[in-house]
Amino acid sequence: MTDTTRRFLFLQGPHGPWFHRLGRLLRTAGAEVWRVGFNLGDRVFWPGPGYIAFEGPHDDWPATCAAILDRQRITDLVLYGDTRPIHVEAVVLARARGITVHVFEEGYLRPYWVSYERGGANGHSRLMDLTVPEMQAALERVDLDLPDVPATWGDMRQHMFWGALYHGFVAMGFRAYRNFRPHRALTVGQEFQLYLKRFLLMPLHRWERRLATRRIRRGGFPYHLAILQLEHDASFRDHSPFASMTDFLALVIRGFAKGAPPHHHLVFKAHPLEDGRAPILPTIRGLARDHGIADRVHFVRGGKLAGLLNDARSAVTVNSTAGQQALWRGLPLRTFGAAVYAKPEFVSSQPLAEFFAAPERPDTRAYRDYRHFLLETSQVVGGFYSSHGRRALLRQVVDLMLSPEDPYQALALGKAAPRQQLRLVR
């Protein structure tokens, strides 16, 4: 008799208990589940059975991973993001064995959705090769009322809390996992300090943000909005042409100084989780001063994006998912990195100075079809960091993972699962 049991191997996941809750529900559904842990944070957030500790040097990981895949007869690999070195190597090994790769990411339509795809995410997503006409054809049998774009980034406090806690445990477990190296440039201790500092400074940053926003709103000038990302984020690091955020800032300020009308202003909006590891504010001030536009350049530290977008003339970003909030409002948008939404129907390819002078408007009907397609496929209601977000996510995602078709195939075949409404996580 053929053994058809699904066997899932989890690698690194979002900070907090999400991966453990997901693995537990998969076991309830009849699957077997294991988790490889690389540090004490992974161990603490996987308290149940199936934990496999990897304590060796990174050079040993490919051979160890191959042995685990073969010994446990793994059928499914589960990842959060697909660009960490340990994940990249595992994906290569999984594909060679015909193993299904499940990739979770922050939602392309943040904040109240999570992205679930197979094979890859962001610049490796199947969305990169799908055209808008192909999406429109797949939607012909679907009728869904589109929810409005939310005005907040999501469960930011919970995200920061779990991040600080995770890095604290990682630092505490250094002796047991002395070979662990984070996928980012900073040490574990530095990551922990930045999370903690950001969390403690939230009241001060909130006050600074309100003052900056008030100056912009009461200024009475037209402005263009630059939506910033985290320099260490995978989308920026692995799917953009820039080596650092400074390169992007210099490009934007130079293009604005050259092309924008002299009465227009430029507003830089920082990512809500920006923690100061990149010198963004002093760099902006220096570049603006060098180009003679210091009195026309503004900086807003985190906070809500919607209010600033509502009054903006256009938006620029590398490849932030927040660019889609600009498209939803019908704003001209210029991007520079690989982005799943960078379709010619609604994202400008103008030279930057020309864009600031006279930005081309997007085809909003085409964008709404694109967004509709995402809500019927890879975007799942819920979140990783809050309890209500995890509950909403679990209600749908296990069935999606166990389905023989990925979300894009299911829609094309007319087998897309009924979708949960956004109200469940508000």
Protein backbone atom coordinates (compact mmCIF):
# COMPACT_ATOMS: atom_id res chain seq x y z
CA MET A 1 0.00 0.00 0.00
CA THR A 2 1.41 3.39 -1.01
CA ASP A 3 2.09 5.83 1.83
CA THR A 4 0.46 9.14 0.85
CA THR A 5 1.06 10.99 4.14
CA ARG A 6 2.26 14.56 3.66
CA ARG A 7 5.54 15.28 5.45
CA PHE A 8 6.33 18.93 6.11
CA LEU A 9 9.71 20.38 7.04
CA PHE A 10 9.70 23.91 8.44
CA LEU A 11 12.82 26.09 8.39
CA GLN A 12 12.92 29.68 9.69
CA GLY A 13 9.68 31.56 10.14
CA PRO A 14 8.30 34.90 11.33
CA HIS A 15 9.16 35.95 14.87
CA GLY A 16 6.70 34.50 17.35
CA PRO A 17 4.47 31.43 17.59
CA TRP A 18 2.97 31.41 14.08
CA PHE A 19 5.00 28.51 12.64
CA HIS A 20 4.31 26.32 15.67
CA ARG A 21 0.56 26.96 15.46
CA LEU A 22 0.61 26.16 11.76
CA GLY A 23 2.56 22.92 12.28
CA ARG A 24 0.18 21.83 15.03
CA LEU A 25 -2.86 22.30 12.78
CA LEU A 26 -1.16 20.41 9.94
CA ARG A 27 -0.63 17.50 12.34
CA THR A 28 -4.30 17.60 13.23
CA ALA A 29 -5.06 17.40 9.51
CA GLY A 30 -3.05 14.14 9.32
CA ALA A 31 0.36 15.35 8.20
CA GLU A 32 3.75 14.70 9.81
CA VAL A 33 5.70 17.83 10.70
CA TRP A 34 9.32 18.67 11.62
CA ARG A 35 11.10 21.94 12.26
CA VAL A 36 14.81 22.66 11.90
CA GLY A 37 15.98 25.19 14.47
CA PHE A 38 19.16 27.24 14.12
CA ASN A 39 19.15 29.12 17.45
CA LEU A 40 17.43 29.25 20.83
CA GLY A 41 14.74 31.58 19.47
CA ASP A 42 13.69 28.86 17.02
CA ARG A 43 13.67 26.30 19.85
CA VAL A 44 11.58 28.44 22.23
CA PHE A 45 8.95 29.16 19.59
CA TRP A 46 8.67 25.47 18.62
CA PRO A 47 7.85 23.85 21.99
CA GLY A 48 6.23 20.72 20.57
CA PRO A 49 7.56 17.52 18.98
CA GLY A 50 9.46 17.32 15.71
CA TYR A 51 12.25 19.76 16.53
CA ILE A 52 15.62 19.14 14.86
CA ALA A 53 18.52 21.28 16.09
CA PHE A 54 21.18 22.35 13.61
CA GLU A 55 24.26 23.37 15.60
CA GLY A 56 26.99 22.93 13.00
CA PRO A 57 28.78 25.51 10.84
CA HIS A 58 26.98 26.90 7.81
CA ASP A 59 29.19 24.90 5.44
CA ASP A 60 27.61 21.73 6.84
CA TRP A 61 24.04 22.87 6.19
CA PRO A 62 23.54 21.66 2.58
CA ALA A 63 24.61 18.08 3.44
CA THR A 64 22.60 18.11 6.67
CA CYS A 65 19.54 19.47 4.91
CA ALA A 66 19.78 16.84 2.17
CA ALA A 67 20.04 14.11 4.80
CA ILE A 68 16.95 15.38 6.64
CA LEU A 69 14.93 15.63 3.43
CA ASP A 70 15.82 12.05 2.53
CA ARG A 71 15.62 10.48 5.99
CA GLN A 72 12.22 11.97 6.83
CA ARG A 73 10.96 11.50 3.24
CA ILE A 74 9.88 15.12 3.14
CA THR A 75 7.15 16.04 0.66
CA ASP A 76 6.75 19.74 1.54
CA LEU A 77 9.20 22.47 2.58
CA VAL A 78 7.86 25.53 4.45
CA LEU A 79 9.73 28.85 4.57
CA TYR A 80 9.28 32.47 5.56
CA GLY A 81 10.95 34.26 2.68
CA ASP A 82 13.13 32.50 0.13
CA THR A 83 16.31 34.61 0.06
CA ARG A 84 18.05 33.72 3.34
CA PRO A 85 21.16 31.64 2.54
CA ILE A 86 19.85 28.59 4.41
CA HIS A 87 16.56 28.83 2.52
CA VAL A 88 18.18 29.32 -0.88
CA GLU A 89 20.22 26.15 -0.42
CA ALA A 90 17.23 24.19 0.89
CA VAL A 91 15.05 25.24 -2.07
CA VAL A 92 17.66 23.97 -4.53
CA LEU A 93 17.75 20.60 -2.76
CA ALA A 94 13.95 20.43 -2.54
CA ARG A 95 13.41 21.16 -6.21
CA ALA A 96 15.88 18.45 -7.18
CA ARG A 97 13.72 15.99 -5.21
CA GLY A 98 10.34 17.19 -6.48
CA ILE A 99 9.41 18.58 -3.06
CA THR A 100 6.72 21.27 -2.94
CA VAL A 101 8.07 24.58 -1.60
CA HIS A 102 5.61 26.72 0.39
CA VAL A 103 6.72 30.34 0.87
CA PHE A 104 5.13 32.77 3.30
CA GLU A 105 5.82 36.50 3.23
CA GLU A 106 4.37 39.75 4.47
CA GLY A 107 1.32 40.46 2.33
CA TYR A 108 1.63 42.10 -1.06
CA LEU A 109 -1.55 43.90 0.01
CA ARG A 110 -0.56 44.81 3.54
CA PRO A 111 -1.45 45.06 6.31
CA TYR A 112 -4.40 42.70 6.68
CA TRP A 113 -3.23 39.99 4.30
CA VAL A 114 -0.34 37.51 4.26
CA SER A 115 1.24 36.21 1.05
CA TYR A 116 1.21 32.46 0.49
CA GLU A 117 2.85 31.14 -2.69
CA ARG A 118 4.60 28.05 -3.95
CA GLY A 119 8.07 28.04 -5.41
CA GLY A 120 9.06 31.61 -4.56
CA ALA A 121 7.99 35.08 -3.46
CA ASN A 122 8.64 38.70 -4.46
CA GLY A 123 11.09 38.69 -7.37
CA HIS A 124 10.86 34.88 -7.54
CA SER A 125 7.05 34.84 -7.56
CA ARG A 126 5.00 33.45 -10.44
CA LEU A 127 3.36 36.88 -10.51
CA MET A 128 6.47 38.29 -12.15
CA ASP A 129 5.68 36.42 -15.37
CA LEU A 130 1.88 36.76 -15.32
CA THR A 131 0.44 39.54 -17.47
CA VAL A 132 -2.61 41.62 -16.60
CA PRO A 133 -4.61 40.14 -19.54
CA GLU A 134 -3.86 36.63 -18.22
CA MET A 135 -5.11 37.67 -14.79
CA GLN A 136 -8.25 39.22 -16.27
CA ALA A 137 -8.99 36.01 -18.14
CA ALA A 138 -8.67 33.97 -14.92
CA LEU A 139 -11.13 36.32 -13.18
CA GLU A 140 -13.93 35.96 -15.70
CA ARG A 141 -15.93 33.61 -13.44
CA VAL A 142 -15.25 35.48 -10.20
CA ASP A 143 -17.34 38.20 -8.56
CA LEU A 144 -15.80 39.70 -5.40
CA ASP A 145 -16.34 43.06 -3.76
CA LEU A 146 -12.92 44.58 -3.17
CA PRO A 147 -12.23 45.89 0.35
CA ASP A 148 -10.74 49.35 0.78
CA VAL A 149 -7.03 49.76 1.32
CA PRO A 150 -6.44 49.90 5.12
CA ALA A 151 -4.85 53.02 6.52
CA THR A 152 -2.37 51.36 8.93
CA TRP A 153 0.64 49.13 8.46
CA GLY A 154 -0.71 46.39 10.70
CA ASP A 155 0.29 44.73 13.98
CA MET A 156 3.42 46.86 14.41
CA ARG A 157 3.64 46.71 18.20
CA GLN A 158 3.24 42.92 18.19
CA HIS A 159 5.78 42.64 15.37
CA MET A 160 8.33 44.62 17.37
CA PHE A 161 7.57 42.74 20.59
CA TRP A 162 8.07 39.29 19.06
CA GLY A 163 11.19 40.49 17.24
CA ALA A 164 12.80 41.79 20.43
CA LEU A 165 11.86 38.62 22.32
CA TYR A 166 13.19 36.35 19.57
CA HIS A 167 16.55 38.12 19.36
CA GLY A 168 16.80 38.10 23.14
CA PHE A 169 16.46 34.31 23.16
CA VAL A 170 18.94 34.01 20.29
CA ALA A 171 21.52 35.96 22.31
CA MET A 172 20.85 33.85 25.42
CA GLY A 173 21.39 30.62 23.51
CA PHE A 174 24.73 31.50 21.97
CA ARG A 175 26.61 28.71 23.80
CA ALA A 176 24.34 25.98 22.47
CA TYR A 177 24.19 27.42 18.94
CA ARG A 178 27.60 29.05 18.72
CA ASN A 179 27.80 28.54 14.94
CA PHE A 180 24.58 30.44 14.19
CA ARG A 181 24.99 33.51 12.03
CA PRO A 182 21.99 35.77 11.25
CA HIS A 183 21.12 36.38 7.61
CA ARG A 184 21.61 40.11 8.13
CA ALA A 185 24.86 42.02 8.65
CA LEU A 186 24.32 42.91 12.33
CA THR A 187 25.02 40.61 15.22
CA VAL A 188 22.18 39.10 17.23
CA GLY A 189 22.94 41.42 20.14
CA GLN A 190 22.82 44.47 17.88
CA GLU A 191 19.49 43.32 16.40
CA PHE A 192 18.05 42.92 19.90
CA GLN A 193 19.24 46.37 20.95
CA LEU A 194 17.72 48.00 17.87
CA TYR A 195 14.35 46.28 18.39
CA LEU A 196 14.31 47.29 22.03
CA LYS A 197 15.39 50.87 21.32
CA ARG A 198 12.73 51.25 18.61
CA PHE A 199 10.06 49.90 20.95
CA LEU A 200 11.05 52.24 23.81
CA LEU A 201 11.28 55.32 21.56
CA MET A 202 7.85 54.86 20.03
CA PRO A 203 6.24 57.71 22.09
CA LEU A 204 8.96 60.19 21.06
CA HIS A 205 8.82 59.12 17.43
CA ARG A 206 5.04 59.47 17.46
CA TRP A 207 5.42 63.09 18.61
CA GLU A 208 8.05 63.84 15.93
CA ARG A 209 5.85 62.25 13.27
CA ARG A 210 2.82 64.33 14.20
CA LEU A 211 4.82 67.56 14.02
CA ALA A 212 6.29 66.68 10.62
CA THR A 213 2.91 65.62 9.23
CA ARG A 214 1.26 68.78 10.48
CA ARG A 215 3.88 70.96 8.78
CA ILE A 216 3.28 69.17 5.48
CA ARG A 217 -0.51 69.31 5.66
CA ARG A 218 -0.56 72.96 6.65
CA GLY A 219 2.09 73.94 4.15
CA GLY A 220 -0.36 74.25 1.26
CA PHE A 221 2.20 73.08 -1.31
CA PRO A 222 1.97 70.23 -3.87
CA TYR A 223 4.24 67.34 -2.91
CA HIS A 224 5.54 64.01 -4.16
CA LEU A 225 5.94 61.09 -1.76
CA ALA A 226 8.98 58.80 -1.61
CA ILE A 227 8.03 55.54 0.15
CA LEU A 228 11.11 54.11 1.85
CA GLN A 229 11.91 50.51 2.77
CA LEU A 230 14.24 48.81 5.20
CA GLU A 231 17.73 48.65 3.71
CA HIS A 232 18.17 45.13 5.12
CA ASP A 233 14.84 43.83 3.81
CA ALA A 234 15.03 41.05 1.24
CA SER A 235 12.98 42.96 -1.35
CA PHE A 236 15.47 45.83 -1.29
CA ARG A 237 18.60 43.73 -0.81
CA ASP A 238 17.91 40.98 -3.36
CA HIS A 239 15.41 42.47 -5.83
CA SER A 240 16.63 46.02 -6.44
CA PRO A 241 19.51 47.64 -8.36
CA PHE A 242 20.75 49.59 -5.32
CA ALA A 243 23.62 48.60 -3.06
CA SER A 244 22.34 50.83 -0.26
CA MET A 245 19.46 53.13 0.61
CA THR A 246 21.81 56.06 0.10
CA ASP A 247 21.95 55.24 -3.63
CA PHE A 248 18.16 55.40 -3.89
CA LEU A 249 17.94 58.62 -1.87
CA ALA A 250 20.54 60.27 -4.09
CA LEU A 251 18.70 59.22 -7.26
CA VAL A 252 15.35 60.55 -6.02
CA ILE A 253 16.67 63.90 -4.76
CA ARG A 254 18.70 64.45 -7.94
CA GLY A 255 15.69 63.65 -10.14
CA PHE A 256 13.39 65.87 -8.08
CA ALA A 257 15.83 68.80 -8.11
CA LYS A 258 16.19 68.51 -11.88
CA GLY A 259 12.59 67.95 -12.93
CA ALA A 260 10.02 69.04 -10.33
CA PRO A 261 8.36 72.48 -10.59
CA PRO A 262 10.00 74.91 -8.14
CA HIS A 263 6.87 75.19 -5.96
CA HIS A 264 6.62 71.39 -5.46
CA HIS A 265 8.00 69.63 -2.38
CA LEU A 266 9.36 66.10 -1.74
CA VAL A 267 8.32 64.04 1.29
CA PHE A 268 10.27 60.96 2.39
CA LYS A 269 8.16 58.52 4.40
CA ALA A 270 10.21 56.06 6.48
CA HIS A 271 9.21 52.43 6.95
CA PRO A 272 7.26 51.88 10.21
CA LEU A 273 9.98 49.51 11.46
CA GLU A 274 12.95 51.70 10.52
CA ASP A 275 15.36 51.38 13.44
CA GLY A 276 18.20 53.71 12.54
CA ARG A 277 20.75 51.16 11.34
CA ALA A 278 20.95 53.12 8.07
CA PRO A 279 21.62 56.91 8.40
CA ILE A 280 18.55 57.91 6.41
CA LEU A 281 17.69 61.30 7.92
CA PRO A 282 21.22 62.82 7.88
CA THR A 283 21.70 61.49 4.34
CA ILE A 284 18.48 63.12 3.14
CA ARG A 285 19.40 66.43 4.76
CA GLY A 286 22.89 66.40 3.26
CA LEU A 287 21.73 65.52 -0.25
CA ALA A 288 18.92 68.09 -0.17
CA ARG A 289 21.36 70.77 0.95
CA ASP A 290 23.83 69.83 -1.78
CA HIS A 291 21.11 70.22 -4.45
CA GLY A 292 19.83 73.50 -3.05
CA ILE A 293 16.37 72.19 -2.10
CA ALA A 294 16.71 71.79 1.67
CA ASP A 295 13.59 73.92 2.26
CA ARG A 296 11.50 71.70 -0.05
CA VAL A 297 12.41 68.27 1.36
CA HIS A 298 10.64 66.69 4.36
CA PHE A 299 11.04 63.51 6.37
CA VAL A 300 8.27 61.63 8.21
CA ARG A 301 9.27 58.87 10.61
CA GLY A 302 7.00 55.84 10.17
CA GLY A 303 3.30 56.03 11.02
CA LYS A 304 0.31 55.84 8.72
CA LEU A 305 0.80 56.19 4.99
CA ALA A 306 -2.79 56.84 3.91
CA GLY A 307 -3.04 60.46 5.03
CA LEU A 308 0.13 61.44 3.18
CA LEU A 309 -0.91 59.58 0.04
CA ASN A 310 -4.33 61.19 -0.03
CA ASP A 311 -2.80 64.61 -0.77
CA ALA A 312 0.25 63.54 -2.80
CA ARG A 313 0.75 64.26 -6.51
CA SER A 314 2.75 61.08 -7.16
CA ALA A 315 4.78 58.39 -5.38
CA VAL A 316 8.17 56.77 -5.93
CA THR A 317 9.62 53.67 -4.29
CA VAL A 318 12.13 50.92 -4.95
CA ASN A 319 9.67 48.03 -4.80
CA SER A 320 7.74 48.47 -1.55
CA THR A 321 4.39 46.72 -1.32
CA ALA A 322 3.07 50.06 -0.05
CA GLY A 323 3.31 51.30 -3.63
CA GLN A 324 0.02 49.55 -4.21
CA GLN A 325 -1.73 51.98 -1.89
CA ALA A 326 -0.69 54.72 -4.32
CA LEU A 327 -2.08 52.75 -7.26
CA TRP A 328 -5.35 52.13 -5.43
CA ARG A 329 -5.74 55.92 -5.18
CA GLY A 330 -4.96 56.41 -8.86
CA LEU A 331 -1.63 58.12 -8.15
CA PRO A 332 1.24 57.97 -10.65
CA LEU A 333 3.88 55.56 -9.36
CA ARG A 334 7.52 55.04 -10.31
CA THR A 335 9.40 51.95 -9.13
CA PHE A 336 13.00 50.79 -9.59
CA GLY A 337 13.33 47.22 -8.29
CA ALA A 338 11.64 43.97 -9.23
CA ALA A 339 8.07 44.12 -7.87
CA VAL A 340 5.14 41.80 -8.42
CA TYR A 341 2.92 44.79 -9.20
CA ALA A 342 5.29 46.57 -11.60
CA LYS A 343 3.11 46.02 -14.66
CA PRO A 344 3.32 48.45 -17.61
CA GLU A 345 -0.40 49.16 -17.41
CA PHE A 346 -0.10 51.03 -14.13
CA VAL A 347 3.55 51.65 -13.16
CA SER A 348 5.46 54.41 -14.97
CA SER A 349 8.79 53.84 -16.70
CA GLN A 350 9.51 57.57 -17.25
CA PRO A 351 12.97 58.96 -16.46
CA LEU A 352 12.74 60.28 -12.92
CA ALA A 353 13.14 63.99 -13.72
CA GLU A 354 10.44 63.67 -16.38
CA PHE A 355 8.23 61.78 -13.91
CA PHE A 356 8.45 64.56 -11.31
CA ALA A 357 7.74 67.16 -14.02
CA ALA A 358 4.67 65.45 -15.52
CA PRO A 359 3.93 61.97 -14.08
CA GLU A 360 1.87 59.57 -16.17
CA ARG A 361 -1.37 58.40 -14.58
CA PRO A 362 -1.93 54.65 -14.09
CA ASP A 363 -4.66 52.58 -15.70
CA THR A 364 -6.72 52.18 -12.52
CA ARG A 365 -9.11 49.67 -14.06
CA ALA A 366 -6.18 47.39 -14.89
CA TYR A 367 -4.81 47.78 -11.37
CA ARG A 368 -8.14 46.89 -9.78
CA ASP A 369 -8.20 43.70 -11.86
CA TYR A 370 -4.66 42.94 -10.70
CA ARG A 371 -5.60 43.51 -7.06
CA HIS A 372 -8.73 41.42 -7.50
CA PHE A 373 -6.53 38.59 -8.83
CA LEU A 374 -4.25 38.76 -5.79
CA LEU A 375 -7.18 38.67 -3.36
CA GLU A 376 -8.47 35.53 -5.09
CA THR A 377 -5.09 33.78 -5.04
CA SER A 378 -2.00 34.48 -2.94
CA GLN A 379 -3.36 37.00 -0.40
CA VAL A 380 -4.82 35.36 2.70
CA VAL A 381 -6.65 37.33 5.40
CA GLY A 382 -4.70 37.37 8.66
CA GLY A 383 -1.29 38.14 10.11
CA PHE A 384 1.72 36.53 11.79
CA TYR A 385 2.07 38.64 14.92
CA SER A 386 -1.27 39.24 16.64
CA SER A 387 -3.45 36.48 18.08
CA HIS A 388 -6.52 37.48 16.06
CA GLY A 389 -4.41 37.68 12.88
CA ARG A 390 -3.01 34.17 13.44
CA ARG A 391 -6.48 32.76 14.05
CA ALA A 392 -7.84 34.27 10.86
CA LEU A 393 -4.85 33.00 8.87
CA LEU A 394 -5.13 29.44 10.17
CA ARG A 395 -8.77 29.25 9.11
CA GLN A 396 -7.72 29.19 5.46
CA VAL A 397 -4.04 28.57 4.94
CA VAL A 398 -3.84 24.89 5.92
CA ASP A 399 -6.42 23.96 3.28
CA LEU A 400 -4.46 26.00 0.72
CA MET A 401 -1.26 24.15 1.63
CA LEU A 402 -2.90 20.73 1.38
CA SER A 403 -4.56 21.51 -1.96
CA PRO A 404 -3.01 19.78 -4.99
CA GLU A 405 -3.06 23.10 -6.88
CA ASP A 406 -1.30 26.27 -5.90
CA PRO A 407 -3.54 29.39 -5.55
CA TYR A 408 -2.85 30.62 -9.09
CA GLN A 409 -3.57 27.23 -10.66
CA ALA A 410 -6.72 26.82 -8.57
CA LEU A 411 -8.20 30.08 -9.86
CA ALA A 412 -7.37 29.26 -13.48
CA LEU A 413 -9.06 25.86 -13.07
CA GLY A 414 -12.12 27.31 -11.36
CA LYS A 415 -11.21 25.65 -8.03
CA ALA A 416 -10.35 28.71 -5.96
CA ALA A 417 -11.41 28.32 -2.32
CA PRO A 418 -14.01 30.70 -0.83
CA ARG A 419 -12.28 33.72 0.66
CA GLN A 420 -12.56 35.02 4.19
CA GLN A 421 -13.70 38.61 4.53
CA LEU A 422 -11.43 41.31 5.92
CA ARG A 423 -13.81 42.11 8.79
CA LEU A 424 -12.67 38.94 10.61
CA VAL A 425 -9.32 40.42 11.59
CA ARG A 426 -10.34 43.98 12.38
